[in-house]
Structures are given as C-alpha cells and as structure tokens.
Amino acid sequence: MYQGRPVAYTYDMDDLPMVSVIMPVRDESAYIERSLGAVLRQDYPAERTEILVVDGMSTDGTREFIRARQIVYPRLRLLDNPRRIVPPGLNIGIAQARGDIIVRVDGHCEIAPDYISRCVEHLLADDVEAVGGPIETVGETEEARAIALAMSSWFGVGGSAFRTVKDRPALVETVAFPAYLRQTLERLGPFDEQLVRNQDDEYNYRLLKSGGRILLSPDIRSRYYSRSGLRSLWRQYYQYGYWKVRVMQKHPRQMRWRQFVPPVFVAGLLGSTIPGLFFRPFRWLAAAIIGLYLVADMFASLSLGREHGHRYIPRLLIIHPVLHLSYGLGFLAGLLNYASLRQSGTRPDNGS
C-alpha cells in the first residue's frame, strides 16, 4: 500500500473545491476492492468528495461489492452504464457529478492516498487544465510482472511519458487517470462514445488544441495492474491499434511517429512473407525484417533482464512481439474497416 504525505493547504478547508471521482468499470471483481478501497482511503476531506462508480452492467459480483460499500460510505454512488464501454460511462458520470474537479480512476488501478490532494494542489496552483502522474505497472504472477516490465519500457510501448518518465514534471500530450477542471470538460464537451479504446488520447488532444495544458507530475502516483496473460494482452493492444485509426481520422496531427512503427513493421512483414511464398527475393526481405526485429527484441529483453531479473528474459522475448504484432494488426484492421465504411457511407460502429 502507498504511503503519502499530507498536503499543506494555505487556505480554509471550507474553500476547498468539491471533487468528483468517476470510476467506469465492468466485471472488475478481481480488482475492485483495491481500486475502490484506494479511492475511499484518500486524505482529501471526505465531505468535499463524492465517488461515482459507473458500472457497465457487471455480472461477476462487482455491483454487489459496491452496494455493500454504500452502506458504510454514503458518498459512494452506483450508476448504470447500459452501453458497457468506457466513454458512455465517463459521460454518464460527468453529467451526474457535482464536483468542481473531476478525477477519472479505472477499476484496474490503485491510486496513492494523496492522489486527489496532489491533483487539486496542482490544478489550483499551476496554469494547467488537466493533471496526472506516472503510473507504476505491476503484475501478480511471473508472466504478469514480465508484461508489466514490457509495458513500462521504451521498446515495448515507445516514448509514452506517463509510462516511462517518473522523475520530473513535464507538460505532456496525455496522462493516465487525469484530473480535470469542470470548466474544461464543459468547454470540450463529451467523450467520443465511438472510441472503445484511446478515448483519453482523443479527448486530451482536443484539450491541447483548444490551448489547454496537461501536466505530468511525479508526486501524483498510481499503480496499474497489467494483464495477466498473453491472450488478454493481445486483445488489449489489438484494440489500442484498431481504435487509434479512429483518433487519427478525427485528429491527424495527434499522431506521432512511434505509433506508426508497429503497423509499418506488420505491413512490411506481411508484404514480404506472402509474396515470398512464390518469389525468392521477397524471402530475403522477410528474413531481413525478421532478423532485425529479433536482434532488437533480444537487446531490449536482455537490457530489461539485467535491470530487473534474468528470469524475465525468456518471457520478454515473446511479450514484445505480442505487443507490437497485436497493435500493428489492429491498426491495419482499423484502416481497412474505416476505408470500407467510408466507401459505403456507413458510420463506424461503437464497438459495443
């Protein structure tokens, strides 16, 4: 469990802003006790806090757990999200929230006890409209811990600041589990309910485009529990790639070169391997692409293994390709899907 230090406010507690914590969840019985428990243990004054859990019609006991906590914590509310995906859940929570500051917390994470206090401190003292901190990705099994290492490395996920920068404040493009000023949310409007994934990226780009600023501060800490197996990791990153295409369609300038590397790698692999079944020169090209990738994978896995434990190296050699291939294939599938929908004049589905 985290240990935080109290925030020394320089004004009367009665003047502190009301904070609404919104938790969009679905079937989080394995983690809801830790994630919700961390929110309930915040050092921010309870009378200035409300917690809105927006549940996507869970069937695994998540709803029952929340209802049991409501008996003890009257500031805890349970709202229904019939659409089941995150963006409608966020919009439902924001519409019901009474806070001057809105903090998003996921069911798969655990925030430090001073998380809300730090967010409020920065939003009041700094010239920013949103704030968050670096996340510590952790796992509960050997495979999950190896996945967490890959998800926190430059080779695994590129230069995503909130995953890789932990020692200095910085103005960034996006953060995990952000706190927003209500007036910012009112100005930007609702989250895009078509985006099953990447809704934060799209929303935060809108914020930046409107002239706002997003702060990543190292004193705002959270812990994210990584996927426990390769199948769930593949599905997660396939969706990240797939829905990134929708973000790109809306905001082409939001894209960064690192986000094109996995789809270019997969396209090159497919574009050389399939013709290589019939034409020898393409076999050499495929071999070169695979060989270069394996060298990079080996180097990155050995580097992480030296730092965190050699026992993780064999798993990392597999996890890195899972991350890159799933994201790349998802991105290419997204391109094909949206191209066909554009030709037919059909709007993209919402992924529900």
Foldseek 3Di string as FASTA:
>chain_A
DADADDDDDPDDLVPQWAEEEEEEAEQLVVQQCQAVVLVVLAPRDLVSYAYEYEYCPHDNCPVVVQVVVCVVRVSYYYHYDPVSFDQSSVVVRLVPDPTQKYWYTYSQKHWHNHQVVVQSVCVVPDQAFKEAAAEQEAEDDLLQRLLSLLQLDCLNQNCPCSSDPQDAKDWDQFHPRMMGGSVLCVVQDGFDLLQSPPSRNLSSNSCVVVVGIYMYGNSTYMYGYGDHDLVVLLVVLLSVLLRVVVSCVVPVVSDDPVLCVLLVLLCLLVVLVVCCVPDVVSVVSNCVSVVVVLVVQQVVLVVSCVVPNVVSSVSSSVSSCSNSNSNNVSNVVNVVVVVVCVVVVHDRHSPD
